[in-house]
N, C-alpha and C. Protein backbone atom coordinates (compact mmCIF):
# COMPACT_ATOMS: atom_id res chain seq x y z
N UNK A 1 62.49 -26.96 11.03
CA UNK A 1 62.54 -27.03 9.57
C UNK A 1 61.52 -28.06 9.10
N UNK A 2 60.71 -27.68 8.13
CA UNK A 2 59.75 -28.62 7.56
C UNK A 2 60.47 -29.55 6.58
N UNK A 3 59.78 -30.57 6.15
CA UNK A 3 60.37 -31.49 5.18
C UNK A 3 60.63 -30.77 3.87
N UNK A 4 59.69 -29.96 3.42
CA UNK A 4 59.89 -29.25 2.15
C UNK A 4 61.04 -28.25 2.26
N UNK A 5 61.18 -27.63 3.42
CA UNK A 5 62.32 -26.73 3.63
C UNK A 5 63.63 -27.50 3.61
N UNK A 6 63.61 -28.70 4.17
CA UNK A 6 64.82 -29.54 4.14
C UNK A 6 65.17 -29.93 2.71
N UNK A 7 64.15 -30.27 1.92
CA UNK A 7 64.40 -30.62 0.53
C UNK A 7 65.01 -29.43 -0.23
N UNK A 8 64.49 -28.25 0.03
CA UNK A 8 65.03 -27.05 -0.63
C UNK A 8 66.44 -26.74 -0.14
N UNK A 9 66.70 -26.90 1.16
CA UNK A 9 68.03 -26.62 1.71
C UNK A 9 69.07 -27.58 1.14
N UNK A 10 68.72 -28.86 1.04
CA UNK A 10 69.65 -29.83 0.46
C UNK A 10 69.91 -29.49 -1.00
N UNK A 11 68.87 -29.18 -1.74
CA UNK A 11 69.04 -28.84 -3.15
C UNK A 11 69.93 -27.61 -3.31
N UNK A 12 69.70 -26.61 -2.48
CA UNK A 12 70.53 -25.40 -2.53
C UNK A 12 71.99 -25.75 -2.22
N UNK A 13 72.22 -26.55 -1.19
CA UNK A 13 73.59 -26.91 -0.81
C UNK A 13 74.26 -27.68 -1.94
N UNK A 14 73.55 -28.64 -2.50
CA UNK A 14 74.12 -29.45 -3.59
C UNK A 14 74.51 -28.56 -4.76
N UNK A 15 73.65 -27.63 -5.12
CA UNK A 15 73.89 -26.80 -6.30
C UNK A 15 74.87 -25.65 -6.07
N UNK A 16 75.20 -25.34 -4.82
CA UNK A 16 76.15 -24.27 -4.56
C UNK A 16 77.47 -24.78 -4.01
N UNK A 17 77.41 -25.73 -3.10
CA UNK A 17 78.61 -26.24 -2.43
C UNK A 17 79.02 -27.60 -2.96
N UNK A 18 78.06 -28.43 -3.22
CA UNK A 18 78.34 -29.80 -3.63
C UNK A 18 78.57 -29.98 -5.12
N UNK A 19 78.47 -28.94 -5.90
CA UNK A 19 78.66 -28.90 -7.35
C UNK A 19 77.48 -29.53 -8.08
N UNK A 20 77.19 -30.80 -7.81
CA UNK A 20 76.04 -31.46 -8.44
C UNK A 20 75.68 -32.69 -7.62
N UNK A 21 74.50 -33.24 -7.87
CA UNK A 21 74.11 -34.48 -7.22
C UNK A 21 74.95 -35.62 -7.76
N UNK A 22 75.27 -36.58 -6.89
CA UNK A 22 75.80 -37.86 -7.38
C UNK A 22 74.68 -38.51 -8.17
N UNK A 23 74.99 -39.50 -8.99
CA UNK A 23 73.94 -40.20 -9.72
C UNK A 23 72.98 -40.88 -8.73
N UNK A 24 71.79 -41.15 -9.20
CA UNK A 24 70.79 -41.81 -8.35
C UNK A 24 71.31 -43.15 -7.84
N UNK A 25 71.97 -43.89 -8.71
CA UNK A 25 72.48 -45.20 -8.30
C UNK A 25 73.58 -45.05 -7.25
N UNK A 26 74.46 -44.07 -7.42
CA UNK A 26 75.49 -43.82 -6.41
C UNK A 26 74.84 -43.42 -5.09
N UNK A 27 73.84 -42.55 -5.14
CA UNK A 27 73.17 -42.15 -3.90
C UNK A 27 72.44 -43.31 -3.26
N UNK A 28 71.92 -44.23 -4.05
CA UNK A 28 71.28 -45.41 -3.46
C UNK A 28 72.32 -46.24 -2.70
N UNK A 29 73.50 -46.39 -3.28
CA UNK A 29 74.57 -47.11 -2.60
C UNK A 29 75.01 -46.38 -1.33
N UNK A 30 75.09 -45.05 -1.40
CA UNK A 30 75.47 -44.26 -0.23
C UNK A 30 74.40 -44.39 0.86
N UNK A 31 73.12 -44.38 0.48
CA UNK A 31 72.05 -44.56 1.44
C UNK A 31 72.18 -45.90 2.16
N UNK A 32 72.47 -46.94 1.40
CA UNK A 32 72.65 -48.27 2.00
C UNK A 32 73.81 -48.26 2.98
N UNK A 33 74.89 -47.60 2.61
CA UNK A 33 76.06 -47.49 3.48
C UNK A 33 75.70 -46.74 4.78
N UNK A 34 74.98 -45.64 4.65
CA UNK A 34 74.61 -44.86 5.83
C UNK A 34 73.66 -45.63 6.75
N UNK A 35 72.71 -46.36 6.18
CA UNK A 35 71.81 -47.19 7.00
C UNK A 35 72.62 -48.26 7.73
N UNK A 36 73.64 -48.80 7.05
CA UNK A 36 74.52 -49.77 7.69
C UNK A 36 75.25 -49.18 8.88
N UNK A 37 75.65 -47.93 8.79
CA UNK A 37 76.31 -47.27 9.92
C UNK A 37 75.35 -47.11 11.10
N UNK A 38 74.10 -46.79 10.82
CA UNK A 38 73.10 -46.71 11.89
C UNK A 38 72.92 -48.10 12.51
N UNK A 39 72.84 -49.12 11.67
CA UNK A 39 72.66 -50.49 12.17
C UNK A 39 73.81 -50.90 13.07
N UNK A 40 75.03 -50.54 12.70
CA UNK A 40 76.20 -50.89 13.50
C UNK A 40 76.09 -50.26 14.90
N UNK A 41 75.72 -48.99 14.95
CA UNK A 41 75.59 -48.32 16.24
C UNK A 41 74.47 -48.96 17.07
N UNK A 42 73.35 -49.22 16.43
CA UNK A 42 72.22 -49.83 17.14
C UNK A 42 72.59 -51.19 17.71
N UNK A 43 73.32 -51.99 16.93
CA UNK A 43 73.72 -53.33 17.38
C UNK A 43 74.65 -53.24 18.58
N UNK A 44 75.47 -52.20 18.61
CA UNK A 44 76.42 -52.06 19.70
C UNK A 44 75.81 -51.38 20.92
N UNK A 45 74.96 -50.39 20.69
CA UNK A 45 74.37 -49.65 21.81
C UNK A 45 73.19 -50.37 22.44
N UNK A 46 72.35 -50.99 21.61
CA UNK A 46 71.12 -51.61 22.12
C UNK A 46 71.12 -53.13 21.98
N UNK A 47 72.07 -53.66 21.22
CA UNK A 47 72.14 -55.10 21.01
C UNK A 47 73.25 -55.73 21.82
N UNK A 48 73.70 -56.86 21.36
CA UNK A 48 74.65 -57.66 22.12
C UNK A 48 76.11 -57.37 21.79
N UNK A 49 76.36 -56.60 20.73
CA UNK A 49 77.74 -56.32 20.37
C UNK A 49 78.29 -55.18 21.24
N UNK A 50 79.61 -55.12 21.33
CA UNK A 50 80.25 -54.03 22.07
C UNK A 50 80.96 -53.11 21.08
N UNK A 51 81.15 -51.87 21.51
CA UNK A 51 81.85 -50.90 20.68
C UNK A 51 83.33 -51.22 20.61
N UNK A 52 83.90 -50.99 19.43
CA UNK A 52 85.35 -51.03 19.29
C UNK A 52 85.88 -49.73 19.89
N UNK A 53 87.13 -49.71 20.27
CA UNK A 53 87.71 -48.50 20.86
C UNK A 53 87.56 -47.31 19.92
N UNK A 54 87.71 -47.54 18.62
CA UNK A 54 87.62 -46.45 17.64
C UNK A 54 86.19 -45.96 17.42
N UNK A 55 85.20 -46.65 17.95
CA UNK A 55 83.80 -46.29 17.76
C UNK A 55 83.18 -45.58 18.96
N UNK A 56 83.95 -45.30 19.97
CA UNK A 56 83.40 -44.75 21.22
C UNK A 56 82.75 -43.38 21.03
N UNK A 57 83.19 -42.61 20.06
CA UNK A 57 82.69 -41.24 19.90
C UNK A 57 81.64 -41.11 18.80
N UNK A 58 81.08 -42.19 18.33
CA UNK A 58 80.10 -42.15 17.24
C UNK A 58 78.79 -41.53 17.74
N UNK A 59 78.20 -40.67 16.91
CA UNK A 59 77.00 -39.93 17.25
C UNK A 59 75.82 -40.48 16.45
N UNK A 60 74.90 -41.17 17.12
CA UNK A 60 73.74 -41.78 16.46
C UNK A 60 72.89 -40.72 15.75
N UNK A 61 72.68 -39.58 16.37
CA UNK A 61 71.87 -38.52 15.75
C UNK A 61 72.49 -38.07 14.44
N UNK A 62 73.80 -37.92 14.40
CA UNK A 62 74.47 -37.51 13.18
C UNK A 62 74.33 -38.57 12.09
N UNK A 63 74.37 -39.83 12.48
CA UNK A 63 74.20 -40.91 11.50
C UNK A 63 72.78 -40.94 10.96
N UNK A 64 71.78 -40.69 11.82
CA UNK A 64 70.40 -40.57 11.34
C UNK A 64 70.29 -39.42 10.34
N UNK A 65 70.95 -38.31 10.65
CA UNK A 65 70.92 -37.15 9.75
C UNK A 65 71.57 -37.47 8.41
N UNK A 66 72.63 -38.28 8.42
CA UNK A 66 73.25 -38.70 7.16
C UNK A 66 72.27 -39.50 6.31
N UNK A 67 71.52 -40.38 6.95
CA UNK A 67 70.50 -41.17 6.23
C UNK A 67 69.46 -40.23 5.64
N UNK A 68 68.99 -39.29 6.45
CA UNK A 68 67.97 -38.35 5.98
C UNK A 68 68.49 -37.51 4.82
N UNK A 69 69.73 -37.07 4.91
CA UNK A 69 70.35 -36.26 3.85
C UNK A 69 70.30 -37.00 2.51
N UNK A 70 70.77 -38.23 2.50
CA UNK A 70 70.83 -38.97 1.24
C UNK A 70 69.42 -39.32 0.75
N UNK A 71 68.52 -39.61 1.66
CA UNK A 71 67.13 -39.87 1.27
C UNK A 71 66.52 -38.63 0.62
N UNK A 72 66.81 -37.46 1.17
CA UNK A 72 66.33 -36.22 0.59
C UNK A 72 66.96 -36.00 -0.79
N UNK A 73 68.24 -36.30 -0.92
CA UNK A 73 68.88 -36.19 -2.24
C UNK A 73 68.15 -37.04 -3.27
N UNK A 74 67.88 -38.28 -2.91
CA UNK A 74 67.19 -39.18 -3.84
C UNK A 74 65.78 -38.68 -4.16
N UNK A 75 65.08 -38.17 -3.16
CA UNK A 75 63.74 -37.63 -3.41
C UNK A 75 63.82 -36.44 -4.36
N UNK A 76 64.77 -35.56 -4.13
CA UNK A 76 64.93 -34.41 -5.02
C UNK A 76 65.25 -34.86 -6.44
N UNK A 77 66.12 -35.82 -6.57
CA UNK A 77 66.53 -36.28 -7.90
C UNK A 77 65.41 -36.96 -8.66
N UNK A 78 64.50 -37.59 -7.95
CA UNK A 78 63.43 -38.36 -8.60
C UNK A 78 62.09 -37.61 -8.60
N UNK A 79 62.11 -36.37 -8.13
CA UNK A 79 60.90 -35.55 -8.17
C UNK A 79 59.86 -35.90 -7.14
N UNK A 80 60.27 -36.48 -6.02
CA UNK A 80 59.33 -36.85 -4.97
C UNK A 80 59.21 -35.73 -3.94
N UNK A 81 57.99 -35.30 -3.69
CA UNK A 81 57.70 -34.36 -2.61
C UNK A 81 57.51 -35.20 -1.35
N UNK A 82 58.52 -35.20 -0.49
CA UNK A 82 58.48 -36.07 0.70
C UNK A 82 57.36 -35.68 1.66
N UNK A 83 56.99 -34.42 1.73
CA UNK A 83 55.88 -34.01 2.60
C UNK A 83 54.59 -34.68 2.17
N UNK A 84 54.32 -34.60 0.88
CA UNK A 84 53.10 -35.22 0.34
C UNK A 84 53.18 -36.74 0.42
N UNK A 85 54.32 -37.30 0.11
CA UNK A 85 54.48 -38.75 0.16
C UNK A 85 54.27 -39.25 1.59
N UNK A 86 54.82 -38.53 2.56
CA UNK A 86 54.66 -38.95 3.96
C UNK A 86 53.21 -38.82 4.41
N UNK A 87 52.55 -37.74 4.00
CA UNK A 87 51.13 -37.56 4.35
C UNK A 87 50.30 -38.72 3.83
N UNK A 88 50.52 -39.08 2.56
CA UNK A 88 49.78 -40.19 1.96
C UNK A 88 50.12 -41.52 2.64
N UNK A 89 51.38 -41.69 3.00
CA UNK A 89 51.80 -42.94 3.64
C UNK A 89 51.18 -43.07 5.02
N UNK A 90 51.11 -41.99 5.76
CA UNK A 90 50.49 -42.00 7.08
C UNK A 90 49.00 -42.32 6.97
N UNK A 91 48.36 -41.75 5.97
CA UNK A 91 46.94 -42.02 5.73
C UNK A 91 46.74 -43.51 5.40
N UNK A 92 47.60 -44.06 4.54
CA UNK A 92 47.51 -45.47 4.17
C UNK A 92 47.68 -46.36 5.40
N UNK A 93 48.68 -46.06 6.22
CA UNK A 93 48.93 -46.87 7.41
C UNK A 93 47.76 -46.79 8.39
N UNK A 94 47.19 -45.61 8.52
CA UNK A 94 46.07 -45.43 9.44
C UNK A 94 44.87 -46.26 9.00
N UNK A 95 44.57 -46.23 7.70
CA UNK A 95 43.46 -47.03 7.18
C UNK A 95 43.74 -48.52 7.30
N UNK A 96 44.93 -48.93 6.94
CA UNK A 96 45.29 -50.34 6.91
C UNK A 96 45.49 -50.93 8.31
N UNK A 97 46.13 -50.17 9.18
CA UNK A 97 46.57 -50.74 10.46
C UNK A 97 45.90 -50.11 11.67
N UNK A 98 44.91 -49.26 11.45
CA UNK A 98 44.27 -48.55 12.56
C UNK A 98 43.76 -49.44 13.67
N UNK A 99 43.19 -50.56 13.32
CA UNK A 99 42.66 -51.49 14.33
C UNK A 99 43.57 -52.70 14.53
N UNK A 100 44.32 -53.04 13.51
CA UNK A 100 45.16 -54.25 13.57
C UNK A 100 46.11 -54.25 14.76
N UNK A 101 46.80 -53.14 14.97
CA UNK A 101 47.78 -53.09 16.07
C UNK A 101 47.09 -53.06 17.43
N UNK A 102 45.95 -52.38 17.51
CA UNK A 102 45.20 -52.34 18.76
C UNK A 102 44.73 -53.73 19.17
N UNK A 103 44.47 -54.57 18.18
CA UNK A 103 43.97 -55.91 18.46
C UNK A 103 45.05 -56.98 18.50
N UNK A 104 46.29 -56.58 18.44
CA UNK A 104 47.41 -57.53 18.46
C UNK A 104 47.82 -57.80 19.90
N UNK A 105 47.56 -59.01 20.40
CA UNK A 105 47.90 -59.31 21.80
C UNK A 105 49.42 -59.28 22.06
N UNK A 106 50.21 -59.41 21.01
CA UNK A 106 51.67 -59.37 21.19
C UNK A 106 52.14 -57.97 21.57
N UNK A 107 51.34 -56.95 21.25
CA UNK A 107 51.74 -55.58 21.55
C UNK A 107 51.25 -55.09 22.90
N UNK A 108 50.44 -55.88 23.56
CA UNK A 108 49.93 -55.52 24.89
C UNK A 108 50.87 -56.07 25.95
N UNK A 109 51.14 -55.24 26.91
CA UNK A 109 52.03 -55.70 28.01
C UNK A 109 51.32 -55.65 29.32
């Protein structure tokens, strides 16, 4: 699925199953909550914290998808074409950081 297809699929789901979009501010709060859930898993799986017994079955991929879902909702609500935005962002990063990272001794092992 392309990014634009994902944006269309989310919009279709919202307008048929979800009734309507939550407000932009509510979705921003939900996005923050979902990113926090990813952070919790990362801290426990890759960091120094341990999982609680109730967290043993948490699926990191599903939590990433939740973040993507809400981000797509916000993009749809604000008229952002994520495909185009990502293309421009990649171009910006390539121009800005194309040599910087190659020349960073901290990144060489």
